[in-house]
PDB file of N, CA and C in Angstrom:
ATOM      1  N   MET A   1     151.067 102.741 133.838  1.00  0.00           N
ATOM      2  CA  MET A   1     149.908 101.977 133.994  1.00  0.00           C
ATOM      3  C   MET A   1     148.636 102.854 133.784  1.00  0.00           C
ATOM      4  N   HIS A   2     147.651 102.357 133.163  1.00  0.00           N
ATOM      5  CA  HIS A   2     146.345 103.072 132.943  1.00  0.00           C
ATOM      6  C   HIS A   2     145.550 103.139 134.236  1.00  0.00           C
ATOM      7  N   ALA A   3     144.709 104.100 134.309  1.00  0.00           N
ATOM      8  CA  ALA A   3     143.831 104.263 135.502  1.00  0.00           C
ATOM      9  C   ALA A   3     142.849 103.126 135.563  1.00  0.00           C
ATOM     10  N   ALA A   4     142.426 102.597 134.385  1.00  0.00           N
ATOM     11  CA  ALA A   4     141.477 101.513 134.413  1.00  0.00           C
ATOM     12  C   ALA A   4     142.181 100.267 134.904  1.00  0.00           C
ATOM     13  N   THR A   5     143.453  99.999 134.541  1.00  0.00           N
ATOM     14  CA  THR A   5     144.146  98.853 135.049  1.00  0.00           C
ATOM     15  C   THR A   5     144.349  98.952 136.540  1.00  0.00           C
ATOM     16  N   LEU A   6     144.687 100.185 137.035  1.00  0.00           N
ATOM     17  CA  LEU A   6     144.861 100.395 138.429  1.00  0.00           C
ATOM     18  C   LEU A   6     143.549 100.153 139.196  1.00  0.00           C
ATOM     19  N   ALA A   7     142.452 100.578 138.533  1.00  0.00           N
ATOM     20  CA  ALA A   7     141.167 100.419 139.201  1.00  0.00           C
ATOM     21  C   ALA A   7     140.734  98.968 139.302  1.00  0.00           C
ATOM     22  N   LEU A   8     141.094  98.149 138.302  1.00  0.00           N
ATOM     23  CA  LEU A   8     140.845  96.767 138.373  1.00  0.00           C
ATOM     24  C   LEU A   8     141.644  96.045 139.453  1.00  0.00           C
ATOM     25  N   GLN A   9     142.926  96.443 139.579  1.00  0.00           N
ATOM     26  CA  GLN A   9     143.746  95.852 140.567  1.00  0.00           C
ATOM     27  C   GLN A   9     143.396  96.323 141.969  1.00  0.00           C
ATOM     28  N   ASN A  10     143.110  97.621 142.097  1.00  0.00           N
ATOM     29  CA  ASN A  10     142.833  98.164 143.439  1.00  0.00           C
ATOM     30  C   ASN A  10     141.775  99.201 143.237  1.00  0.00           C
ATOM     31  N   PRO A  11     140.498  98.856 143.431  1.00  0.00           N
ATOM     32  CA  PRO A  11     139.380  99.800 143.185  1.00  0.00           C
ATOM     33  C   PRO A  11     139.444 101.032 144.083  1.00  0.00           C
ATOM     34  N   SER A  12     139.885 100.894 145.243  1.00  0.00           N
ATOM     35  CA  SER A  12     139.993 102.022 146.190  1.00  0.00           C
ATOM     36  C   SER A  12     141.067 103.031 145.756  1.00  0.00           C
ATOM     37  N   ALA A  13     141.972 102.659 144.926  1.00  0.00           N
ATOM     38  CA  ALA A  13     143.061 103.478 144.474  1.00  0.00           C
ATOM     39  C   ALA A  13     142.581 104.392 143.349  1.00  0.00           C
ATOM     40  N   LEU A  14     141.454 104.120 142.795  1.00  0.00           N
ATOM     41  CA  LEU A  14     140.992 104.841 141.638  1.00  0.00           C
ATOM     42  C   LEU A  14     140.854 106.344 141.872  1.00  0.00           C
ATOM     43  N   SER A  15     140.235 106.655 143.006  1.00  0.00           N
ATOM     44  CA  SER A  15     139.981 108.082 143.277  1.00  0.00           C
ATOM     45  C   SER A  15     141.326 108.815 143.561  1.00  0.00           C
ATOM     46  N   SER A  16     142.312 108.129 144.022  1.00  0.00           N
ATOM     47  CA  SER A  16     143.556 108.792 144.301  1.00  0.00           C
ATOM     48  C   SER A  16     144.442 108.908 143.069  1.00  0.00           C
ATOM     49  N   THR A  17     144.148 108.111 141.991  1.00  0.00           N
ATOM     50  CA  THR A  17     144.951 108.140 140.788  1.00  0.00           C
ATOM     51  C   THR A  17     144.367 108.997 139.678  1.00  0.00           C
ATOM     52  N   LEU A  18     143.114 109.391 139.822  1.00  0.00           N
ATOM     53  CA  LEU A  18     142.529 110.074 138.679  1.00  0.00           C
ATOM     54  C   LEU A  18     143.212 111.428 138.389  1.00  0.00           C
ATOM     55  N   GLY A  19     143.652 112.156 139.371  1.00  0.00           N
ATOM     56  CA  GLY A  19     144.334 113.417 139.151  1.00  0.00           C
ATOM     57  C   GLY A  19     145.813 113.269 139.069  1.00  0.00           C
ATOM     58  N   ASP A  20     146.357 112.159 139.166  1.00  0.00           N
ATOM     59  CA  ASP A  20     147.796 111.888 139.144  1.00  0.00           C
ATOM     60  C   ASP A  20     148.288 111.851 137.739  1.00  0.00           C
ATOM     61  N   PRO A  21     149.162 112.775 137.280  1.00  0.00           N
ATOM     62  CA  PRO A  21     149.650 112.753 135.910  1.00  0.00           C
ATOM     63  C   PRO A  21     150.455 111.566 135.542  1.00  0.00           C
ATOM     64  N   ARG A  22     150.965 110.830 136.477  1.00  0.00           N
ATOM     65  CA  ARG A  22     151.775 109.632 136.151  1.00  0.00           C
ATOM     66  C   ARG A  22     150.846 108.534 135.693  1.00  0.00           C
ATOM     67  N   CYS A  23     149.591 108.588 136.029  1.00  0.00           N
ATOM     68  CA  CYS A  23     148.603 107.515 135.571  1.00  0.00           C
ATOM     69  C   CYS A  23     148.149 107.782 134.136  1.00  0.00           C
ATOM     70  N   ILE A  24     148.390 108.933 133.564  1.00  0.00           N
ATOM     71  CA  ILE A  24     147.928 109.251 132.188  1.00  0.00           C
ATOM     72  C   ILE A  24     149.048 108.795 131.275  1.00  0.00           C
ATOM     73  N   THR A  25     148.835 107.718 130.594  1.00  0.00           N
ATOM     74  CA  THR A  25     149.840 107.186 129.667  1.00  0.00           C
ATOM     75  C   THR A  25     149.185 107.111 128.285  1.00  0.00           C
ATOM     76  N   PRO A  26     149.982 107.079 127.233  1.00  0.00           N
ATOM     77  CA  PRO A  26     149.371 107.010 125.892  1.00  0.00           C
ATOM     78  C   PRO A  26     148.741 105.641 125.671  1.00  0.00           C
ATOM     79  N   LEU A  27     147.846 105.567 124.678  1.00  0.00           N
ATOM     80  CA  LEU A  27     147.143 104.359 124.417  1.00  0.00           C
ATOM     81  C   LEU A  27     148.124 103.329 123.842  1.00  0.00           C
ATOM     82  N   PRO A  28     147.839 102.076 124.049  1.00  0.00           N
ATOM     83  CA  PRO A  28     148.775 101.044 123.480  1.00  0.00           C
ATOM     84  C   PRO A  28     148.704 101.080 121.969  1.00  0.00           C
ATOM     85  N   GLN A  29     149.750 100.559 121.356  1.00  0.00           N
ATOM     86  CA  GLN A  29     149.925 100.521 119.945  1.00  0.00           C
ATOM     87  C   GLN A  29     148.743  99.818 119.223  1.00  0.00           C
ATOM     88  N   ASP A  30     148.195  98.745 119.796  1.00  0.00           N
ATOM     89  CA  ASP A  30     147.162  97.973 119.170  1.00  0.00           C
ATOM     90  C   ASP A  30     145.790  98.730 119.145  1.00  0.00           C
ATOM     91  N   TRP A  31     145.695  99.822 119.834  1.00  0.00           N
ATOM     92  CA  TRP A  31     144.396 100.583 119.871  1.00  0.00           C
ATOM     93  C   TRP A  31     144.400 101.626 118.714  1.00  0.00           C
ATOM     94  N   THR A  32     145.586 101.853 118.114  1.00  0.00           N
ATOM     95  CA  THR A  32     145.717 102.938 117.110  1.00  0.00           C
ATOM     96  C   THR A  32     144.800 102.663 115.930  1.00  0.00           C
ATOM     97  N   PRO A  33     144.717 101.428 115.326  1.00  0.00           N
ATOM     98  CA  PRO A  33     143.769 101.262 114.162  1.00  0.00           C
ATOM     99  C   PRO A  33     142.310 101.422 114.581  1.00  0.00           C
ATOM    100  N   LEU A  34     141.956 100.996 115.799  1.00  0.00           N
ATOM    101  CA  LEU A  34     140.617 101.155 116.266  1.00  0.00           C
ATOM    102  C   LEU A  34     140.226 102.599 116.430  1.00  0.00           C
ATOM    103  N   LEU A  35     141.165 103.309 117.059  1.00  0.00           N
ATOM    104  CA  LEU A  35     140.969 104.735 117.273  1.00  0.00           C
ATOM    105  C   LEU A  35     140.904 105.555 115.941  1.00  0.00           C
ATOM    106  N   THR A  36     141.739 105.156 115.010  1.00  0.00           N
ATOM    107  CA  THR A  36     141.740 105.747 113.699  1.00  0.00           C
ATOM    108  C   THR A  36     140.405 105.474 112.993  1.00  0.00           C
ATOM    109  N   LEU A  37     139.923 104.265 113.109  1.00  0.00           N
ATOM    110  CA  LEU A  37     138.659 103.902 112.476  1.00  0.00           C
ATOM    111  C   LEU A  37     137.477 104.694 113.162  1.00  0.00           C
ATOM    112  N   PHE A  38     137.544 104.819 114.486  1.00  0.00           N
ATOM    113  CA  PHE A  38     136.561 105.595 115.186  1.00  0.00           C
ATOM    114  C   PHE A  38     136.531 107.040 114.762  1.00  0.00           C
ATOM    115  N   LEU A  39     137.734 107.605 114.753  1.00  0.00           N
ATOM    116  CA  LEU A  39     137.860 109.061 114.331  1.00  0.00           C
ATOM    117  C   LEU A  39     137.417 109.254 112.850  1.00  0.00           C
ATOM    118  N   SER A  40     137.805 108.277 112.022  1.00  0.00           N
ATOM    119  CA  SER A  40     137.379 108.408 110.588  1.00  0.00           C
ATOM    120  C   SER A  40     135.846 108.347 110.523  1.00  0.00           C
ATOM    121  N   GLY A  41     135.246 107.504 111.340  1.00  0.00           N
ATOM    122  CA  GLY A  41     133.786 107.408 111.372  1.00  0.00           C
ATOM    123  C   GLY A  41     133.153 108.679 111.767  1.00  0.00           C
ATOM    124  N   ILE A  42     133.762 109.309 112.799  1.00  0.00           N
ATOM    125  CA  ILE A  42     133.233 110.598 113.236  1.00  0.00           C
ATOM    126  C   ILE A  42     133.358 111.686 112.134  1.00  0.00           C
ATOM    127  N   VAL A  43     134.486 111.698 111.475  1.00  0.00           N
ATOM    128  CA  VAL A  43     134.716 112.637 110.352  1.00  0.00           C
ATOM    129  C   VAL A  43     133.749 112.326 109.226  1.00  0.00           C
ATOM    130  N   ALA A  44     133.499 111.028 108.877  1.00  0.00           N
ATOM    131  CA  ALA A  44     132.597 110.732 107.840  1.00  0.00           C
ATOM    132  C   ALA A  44     131.176 111.094 108.214  1.00  0.00           C
ATOM    133  N   VAL A  45     130.779 110.861 109.433  1.00  0.00           N
ATOM    134  CA  VAL A  45     129.372 111.250 109.831  1.00  0.00           C
ATOM    135  C   VAL A  45     129.274 112.757 109.790  1.00  0.00           C
ATOM    136  N   GLY A  46     130.306 113.441 110.276  1.00  0.00           N
ATOM    137  CA  GLY A  46     130.251 114.939 110.268  1.00  0.00           C
ATOM    138  C   GLY A  46     130.174 115.469 108.823  1.00  0.00           C
ATOM    139  N   GLY A  47     130.949 114.882 107.942  1.00  0.00           N
ATOM    140  CA  GLY A  47     130.922 115.266 106.551  1.00  0.00           C
ATOM    141  C   GLY A  47     129.582 114.963 105.891  1.00  0.00           C
ATOM    142  N   ALA A  48     129.028 113.847 106.204  1.00  0.00           N
ATOM    143  CA  ALA A  48     127.720 113.464 105.637  1.00  0.00           C
ATOM    144  C   ALA A  48     126.617 114.397 106.195  1.00  0.00           C
ATOM    145  N   THR A  49     126.758 114.736 107.483  1.00  0.00           N
ATOM    146  CA  THR A  49     125.795 115.654 108.069  1.00  0.00           C
ATOM    147  C   THR A  49     125.840 117.023 107.431  1.00  0.00           C
ATOM    148  N   TRP A  50     127.083 117.484 107.203  1.00  0.00           N
ATOM    149  CA  TRP A  50     127.267 118.811 106.607  1.00  0.00           C
ATOM    150  C   TRP A  50     126.714 118.770 105.159  1.00  0.00           C
ATOM    151  N   LEU A  51     127.069 117.730 104.432  1.00  0.00           N
ATOM    152  CA  LEU A  51     126.582 117.580 103.026  1.00  0.00           C
ATOM    153  C   LEU A  51     125.004 117.586 103.002  1.00  0.00           C
ATOM    154  N   LEU A  52     124.461 116.822 103.912  1.00  0.00           N
ATOM    155  CA  LEU A  52     122.988 116.720 103.994  1.00  0.00           C
ATOM    156  C   LEU A  52     122.365 118.029 104.325  1.00  0.00           C
ATOM    157  N   SER A  53     122.944 118.715 105.351  1.00  0.00           N
ATOM    158  CA  SER A  53     122.326 120.017 105.717  1.00  0.00           C
ATOM    159  C   SER A  53     122.426 121.011 104.591  1.00  0.00           C
ATOM    160  N   HIS A  54     123.559 121.014 103.819  1.00  0.00           N
ATOM    161  CA  HIS A  54     123.666 121.971 102.684  1.00  0.00           C
ATOM    162  C   HIS A  54     122.769 121.530 101.541  1.00  0.00           C
ATOM    163  N   SER A  55     122.556 120.197 101.346  1.00  0.00           N
ATOM    164  CA  SER A  55     121.617 119.721 100.362  1.00  0.00           C
ATOM    165  C   SER A  55     120.197 120.154 100.670  1.00  0.00           C
ATOM    166  N   ILE A  56     119.840 120.032 101.957  1.00  0.00           N
ATOM    167  CA  ILE A  56     118.478 120.421 102.410  1.00  0.00           C
ATOM    168  C   ILE A  56     118.370 121.906 102.195  1.00  0.00           C
ATOM    169  N   GLY A  57     119.370 122.681 102.532  1.00  0.00           N
ATOM    170  CA  GLY A  57     119.356 124.136 102.358  1.00  0.00           C
ATOM    171  C   GLY A  57     119.142 124.494 100.884  1.00  0.00           C
ATOM    172  N   SER A  58     119.833 123.788 100.041  1.00  0.00           N
ATOM    173  CA  SER A  58     119.770 124.075  98.586  1.00  0.00           C
ATOM    174  C   SER A  58     118.383 123.693  98.094  1.00  0.00           C
ATOM    175  N   LEU A  59     117.789 122.564  98.536  1.00  0.00           N
ATOM    176  CA  LEU A  59     116.460 122.183  98.165  1.00  0.00           C
ATOM    177  C   LEU A  59     115.432 123.184  98.647  1.00  0.00           C
ATOM    178  N   GLU A  60     115.616 123.662  99.860  1.00  0.00           N
ATOM    179  CA  GLU A  60     114.673 124.680 100.401  1.00  0.00           C
ATOM    180  C   GLU A  60     114.729 125.975  99.615  1.00  0.00           C
ATOM    181  N   ALA A  61     115.952 126.338  99.180  1.00  0.00           N
ATOM    182  CA  ALA A  61     116.113 127.534  98.385  1.00  0.00           C
ATOM    183  C   ALA A  61     115.440 127.349  97.016  1.00  0.00           C
ATOM    184  N   ARG A  62     115.624 126.152  96.413  1.00  0.00           N
ATOM    185  CA  ARG A  62     115.009 125.842  95.154  1.00  0.00           C
ATOM    186  C   ARG A  62     113.530 125.826  95.273  1.00  0.00           C
ATOM    187  N   GLN A  63     112.980 125.248  96.398  1.00  0.00           N
ATOM    188  CA  GLN A  63     111.540 125.243  96.609  1.00  0.00           C
ATOM    189  C   GLN A  63     110.994 126.652  96.757  1.00  0.00           C
ATOM    190  N   THR A  64     111.696 127.511  97.486  1.00  0.00           N
ATOM    191  CA  THR A  64     111.212 128.919  97.651  1.00  0.00           C
ATOM    192  C   THR A  64     111.193 129.621  96.308  1.00  0.00           C
ATOM    193  N   ALA A  65     112.252 129.399  95.476  1.00  0.00           N
ATOM    194  CA  ALA A  65     112.307 130.028  94.172  1.00  0.00           C
ATOM    195  C   ALA A  65     111.195 129.523  93.290  1.00  0.00           C
ATOM    196  N   THR A  66     110.914 128.189  93.384  1.00  0.00           N
ATOM    197  CA  THR A  66     109.849 127.604  92.555  1.00  0.00           C
ATOM    198  C   THR A  66     108.475 128.171  93.001  1.00  0.00           C
ATOM    199  N   GLU A  67     108.280 128.325  94.325  1.00  0.00           N
ATOM    200  CA  GLU A  67     107.044 128.856  94.836  1.00  0.00           C
ATOM    201  C   GLU A  67     106.848 130.291  94.360  1.00  0.00           C
ATOM    202  N   ALA A  68     107.986 131.039  94.345  1.00  0.00           N
ATOM    203  CA  ALA A  68     107.900 132.461  93.883  1.00  0.00           C
ATOM    204  C   ALA A  68     107.503 132.552  92.381  1.00  0.00           C
ATOM    205  N   ARG A  69     108.124 131.621  91.609  1.00  0.00           N
ATOM    206  CA  ARG A  69     107.797 131.588  90.190  1.00  0.00           C
ATOM    207  C   ARG A  69     106.368 131.137  90.015  1.00  0.00           C
ATOM    208  N   LEU A  70     105.928 130.151  90.819  1.00  0.00           N
ATOM    209  CA  LEU A  70     104.543 129.689  90.679  1.00  0.00           C
ATOM    210  C   LEU A  70     103.578 130.829  91.044  1.00  0.00           C
ATOM    211  N   THR A  71     103.889 131.628  92.051  1.00  0.00           N
ATOM    212  CA  THR A  71     103.065 132.785  92.427  1.00  0.00           C
ATOM    213  C   THR A  71     102.969 133.725  91.257  1.00  0.00           C
ATOM    214  N   GLY A  72     104.121 133.991  90.613  1.00  0.00           N
ATOM    215  CA  GLY A  72     104.153 134.876  89.492  1.00  0.00           C
ATOM    216  C   GLY A  72     103.346 134.346  88.289  1.00  0.00           C
ATOM    217  N   VAL A  73     103.438 133.087  88.103  1.00  0.00           N
ATOM    218  CA  VAL A  73     102.690 132.454  86.982  1.00  0.00           C
ATOM    219  C   VAL A  73     101.165 132.513  87.289  1.00  0.00           C
ATOM    220  N   GLU A  74     100.794 132.272  88.541  1.00  0.00           N
ATOM    221  CA  GLU A  74      99.347 132.341  88.925  1.00  0.00           C
ATOM    222  C   GLU A  74      98.862 133.766  88.731  1.00  0.00           C
ATOM    223  N   ALA A  75      99.649 134.757  89.122  1.00  0.00           N
ATOM    224  CA  ALA A  75      99.244 136.164  88.864  1.00  0.00           C
ATOM    225  C   ALA A  75      99.062 136.460  87.397  1.00  0.00           C
ATOM    226  N   ARG A  76     100.019 135.913  86.621  1.00  0.00           N
ATOM    227  CA  ARG A  76      99.904 136.164  85.150  1.00  0.00           C
ATOM    228  C   ARG A  76      98.678 135.464  84.568  1.00  0.00           C
ATOM    229  N   LEU A  77      98.390 134.235  85.055  1.00  0.00           N
ATOM    230  CA  LEU A  77      97.193 133.521  84.583  1.00  0.00           C
ATOM    231  C   LEU A  77      95.901 134.254  85.010  1.00  0.00           C
ATOM    232  N   ASP A  78      95.934 134.825  86.173  1.00  0.00           N
ATOM    233  CA  ASP A  78      94.731 135.677  86.564  1.00  0.00           C
ATOM    234  C   ASP A  78      94.509 136.820  85.669  1.00  0.00           C
ATOM    235  N   ARG A  79      95.620 137.555  85.322  1.00  0.00           N
ATOM    236  CA  ARG A  79      95.483 138.667  84.394  1.00  0.00           C
ATOM    237  C   ARG A  79      94.993 138.205  83.045  1.00  0.00           C
ATOM    238  N   LEU A  80      95.573 137.127  82.587  1.00  0.00           N
ATOM    239  CA  LEU A  80      95.096 136.588  81.255  1.00  0.00           C
ATOM    240  C   LEU A  80      93.633 136.164  81.338  1.00  0.00           C
ATOM    241  N   ASP A  81      93.256 135.581  82.459  1.00  0.00           N
ATOM    242  CA  ASP A  81      91.849 135.219  82.595  1.00  0.00           C
ATOM    243  C   ASP A  81      90.927 136.428  82.547  1.00  0.00           C
ATOM    244  N   GLN A  82      91.354 137.495  83.225  1.00  0.00           N
ATOM    245  CA  GLN A  82      90.599 138.719  83.156  1.00  0.00           C
ATOM    246  C   GLN A  82      90.440 139.285  81.776  1.00  0.00           C
ATOM    247  N   LYS A  83      91.614 139.310  81.038  1.00  0.00           N
ATOM    248  CA  LYS A  83      91.607 139.775  79.660  1.00  0.00           C
ATOM    249  C   LYS A  83      90.684 138.899  78.764  1.00  0.00           C
ATOM    250  N   LEU A  84      90.779 137.617  78.972  1.00  0.00           N
ATOM    251  CA  LEU A  84      89.854 136.759  78.206  1.00  0.00           C
ATOM    252  C   LEU A  84      88.358 137.001  78.549  1.00  0.00           C
ATOM    253  N   ASP A  85      88.057 137.205  79.809  1.00  0.00           N
ATOM    254  CA  ASP A  85      86.710 137.579  80.197  1.00  0.00           C
ATOM    255  C   ASP A  85      86.325 138.832  79.490  1.00  0.00           C
ATOM    256  N   GLN A  86      87.158 139.807  79.473  1.00  0.00           N
ATOM    257  CA  GLN A  86      86.832 141.099  78.822  1.00  0.00           C
ATOM    258  C   GLN A  86      86.531 140.867  77.330  1.00  0.00           C
ATOM    259  N   LYS A  87      87.466 140.127  76.697  1.00  0.00           N
ATOM    260  CA  LYS A  87      87.290 139.869  75.254  1.00  0.00           C
ATOM    261  C   LYS A  87      86.012 139.115  75.009  1.00  0.00           C
ATOM    262  N   PHE A  88      85.733 138.124  75.891  1.00  0.00           N
ATOM    263  CA  PHE A  88      84.480 137.309  75.656  1.00  0.00           C
ATOM    264  C   PHE A  88      83.275 138.256  75.838  1.00  0.00           C
ATOM    265  N   ASN A  89      83.301 139.088  76.814  1.00  0.00           N
ATOM    266  CA  ASN A  89      82.133 140.001  77.000  1.00  0.00           C
ATOM    267  C   ASN A  89      81.979 140.918  75.827  1.00  0.00           C
ATOM    268  N   GLN A  90      83.093 141.512  75.302  1.00  0.00           N
ATOM    269  CA  GLN A  90      83.036 142.306  74.097  1.00  0.00           C
ATOM    270  C   GLN A  90      82.474 141.578  72.898  1.00  0.00           C
ATOM    271  N   LEU A  91      82.916 140.318  72.733  1.00  0.00           N
ATOM    272  CA  LEU A  91      82.396 139.556  71.590  1.00  0.00           C
ATOM    273  C   LEU A  91      80.952 139.143  71.794  1.00  0.00           C
ATOM    274  N   ASP A  92      80.607 138.945  73.046  1.00  0.00           N
ATOM    275  CA  ASP A  92      79.151 138.640  73.338  1.00  0.00           C
ATOM    276  C   ASP A  92      78.316 139.870  73.005  1.00  0.00           C
ATOM    277  N   GLN A  93      78.718 140.995  73.343  1.00  0.00           N
ATOM    278  CA  GLN A  93      78.018 142.304  73.060  1.00  0.00           C
ATOM    279  C   GLN A  93      77.893 142.470  71.516  1.00  0.00           C
ATOM    280  N   LYS A  94      78.969 142.240  70.824  1.00  0.00           N
ATOM    281  CA  LYS A  94      78.952 142.371  69.341  1.00  0.00           C
ATOM    282  C   LYS A  94      78.003 141.344  68.768  1.00  0.00           C
ATOM    283  N   PHE A  95      78.018 140.142  69.252  1.00  0.00           N
ATOM    284  CA  PHE A  95      77.147 139.133  68.758  1.00  0.00           C
ATOM    285  C   PHE A  95      75.652 139.516  68.984  1.00  0.00           C
ATOM    286  N   ASN A  96      75.403 140.045  70.196  1.00  0.00           N
ATOM    287  CA  ASN A  96      74.013 140.490  70.513  1.00  0.00           C
ATOM    288  C   ASN A  96      73.598 141.576  69.570  1.00  0.00           C
ATOM    289  N   GLN A  97      74.487 142.566  69.308  1.00  0.00           N
ATOM    290  CA  GLN A  97      74.188 143.653  68.369  1.00  0.00           C
ATOM    291  C   GLN A  97      73.902 143.104  66.983  1.00  0.00           C
ATOM    292  N   LEU A  98      74.787 142.232  66.498  1.00  0.00           N
ATOM    293  CA  LEU A  98      74.555 141.675  65.155  1.00  0.00           C
ATOM    294  C   LEU A  98      73.277 140.855  65.130  1.00  0.00           C
ATOM    295  N   ASP A  99      72.950 140.175  66.196  1.00  0.00           N
ATOM    296  CA  ASP A  99      71.713 139.377  66.189  1.00  0.00           C
ATOM    297  C   ASP A  99      70.541 140.294  66.181  1.00  0.00           C
ATOM    298  N   GLN A 100      70.600 141.416  66.863  1.00  0.00           N
ATOM    299  CA  GLN A 100      69.511 142.368  66.787  1.00  0.00           C
ATOM    300  C   GLN A 100      69.377 142.979  65.382  1.00  0.00           C
ATOM    301  N   LYS A 101      70.487 143.325  64.734  1.00  0.00           N
ATOM    302  CA  LYS A 101      70.436 143.833  63.357  1.00  0.00           C
ATOM    303  C   LYS A 101      69.878 142.802  62.415  1.00  0.00           C
ATOM    304  N   LEU A 102      70.276 141.511  62.578  1.00  0.00           N
ATOM    305  CA  LEU A 102      69.811 140.479  61.748  1.00  0.00           C
ATOM    306  C   LEU A 102      68.281 140.293  61.924  1.00  0.00           C
ATOM    307  N   ASP A 103      67.807 140.388  63.201  1.00  0.00           N
ATOM    308  CA  ASP A 103      66.354 140.317  63.464  1.00  0.00           C
ATOM    309  C   ASP A 103      65.655 141.464  62.758  1.00  0.00           C
ATOM    310  N   GLN A 104      66.237 142.653  62.835  1.00  0.00           N
ATOM    311  CA  GLN A 104      65.583 143.838  62.175  1.00  0.00           C
ATOM    312  C   GLN A 104      65.537 143.631  60.631  1.00  0.00           C
ATOM    313  N   LYS A 105      66.656 143.106  60.078  1.00  0.00           N
ATOM    314  CA  LYS A 105      66.689 142.900  58.631  1.00  0.00           C
ATOM    315  C   LYS A 105      65.691 141.791  58.251  1.00  0.00           C
ATOM    316  N   PHE A 106      65.563 140.812  59.085  1.00  0.00           N
ATOM    317  CA  PHE A 106      64.615 139.727  58.806  1.00  0.00           C
ATOM    318  C   PHE A 106      63.174 140.250  58.859  1.00  0.00           C
ATOM    319  N   ASP A 107      62.944 141.088  59.870  1.00  0.00           N
ATOM    320  CA  ASP A 107      61.608 141.652  59.983  1.00  0.00           C
ATOM    321  C   ASP A 107      61.257 142.569  58.767  1.00  0.00           C
ATOM    322  N   GLN A 108      62.334 143.321  58.373  1.00  0.00           N
ATOM    323  CA  GLN A 108      62.118 144.182  57.192  1.00  0.00           C
ATOM    324  C   GLN A 108      61.804 143.343  55.909  1.00  0.00           C
ATOM    325  N   LEU A 109      62.526 142.237  55.831  1.00  0.00           N
ATOM    326  CA  LEU A 109      62.296 141.367  54.675  1.00  0.00           C
ATOM    327  C   LEU A 109      60.897 140.731  54.763  1.00  0.00           C
ATOM    328  N   LEU A 110      60.489 140.354  55.888  1.00  0.00           N
ATOM    329  CA  LEU A 110      59.166 139.784  56.020  1.00  0.00           C
ATOM    330  C   LEU A 110      58.126 140.874  55.660  1.00  0.00           C
ATOM    331  N   GLN A 111      58.296 142.063  56.076  1.00  0.00           N
ATOM    332  CA  GLN A 111      57.346 143.161  55.737  1.00  0.00           C
ATOM    333  C   GLN A 111      57.326 143.365  54.269  1.00  0.00           C
ATOM    334  N   LEU A 112      58.477 143.342  53.637  1.00  0.00           N
ATOM    335  CA  LEU A 112      58.536 143.502  52.176  1.00  0.00           C
ATOM    336  C   LEU A 112      57.759 142.393  51.462  1.00  0.00           C
ATOM    337  N   LEU A 113      57.997 141.143  51.943  1.00  0.00           N
ATOM    338  CA  LEU A 113      57.330 140.000  51.362  1.00  0.00           C
ATOM    339  C   LEU A 113      55.769 140.133  51.493  1.00  0.00           C
ATOM    340  N   VAL A 114      55.348 140.584  52.695  1.00  0.00           N
ATOM    341  CA  VAL A 114      53.933 140.739  52.982  1.00  0.00           C
ATOM    342  C   VAL A 114      53.357 141.848  52.047  1.00  0.00           C
ATOM    343  N   GLN A 115      54.086 142.897  51.912  1.00  0.00           N
ATOM    344  CA  GLN A 115      53.609 144.050  51.052  1.00  0.00           C
ATOM    345  C   GLN A 115      53.543 143.594  49.560  1.00  0.00           C
ATOM    346  N   ARG A 116      54.429 142.848  49.110  1.00  0.00           N
ATOM    347  CA  ARG A 116      54.445 142.406  47.707  1.00  0.00           C
ATOM    348  C   ARG A 116      53.326 141.419  47.499  1.00  0.00           C
ATOM    349  N   LYS A 117      53.114 140.612  48.486  1.00  0.00           N
ATOM    350  CA  LYS A 117      51.962 139.633  48.321  1.00  0.00           C
ATOM    351  C   LYS A 117      50.635 140.350  48.307  1.00  0.00           C
ATOM    352  N   GLN A 118      50.539 141.424  49.059  1.00  0.00           N
ATOM    353  CA  GLN A 118      49.271 142.163  49.077  1.00  0.00           C
ATOM    354  C   GLN A 118      49.030 142.964  47.797  1.00  0.00           C
ATOM    355  N   GLN A 119      50.054 143.252  47.085  1.00  0.00           N
ATOM    356  CA  GLN A 119      49.904 144.026  45.837  1.00  0.00           C
ATOM    357  C   GLN A 119      49.589 143.188  44.714  1.00  0.00           C
TER     358      GLN A 119
END
């Protein structure tokens, strides 16, 4: 007899039967499918939890790797930006030099024209 059945029949006997090994009997045959379903559910939830935790771990690892690559790309873009600034500054200086030379040549040409007109 089960301890629960004994408790329903005689509630005061429950405390005396809890430690009695004679009261521990196997579950009835009709509980086996329910118990199997319950244990299968526990295994399924455990498996899903394990899969989810590993998926999250994998996603976190991918995120970390992506962030590291992004940091590398940002550093590379910064270096390229500095190089472009240097090249732009060099070209700007060359343009200013050429502009000054052109102004000088134009001034010389104007002087020549003025001299020829005076002659």
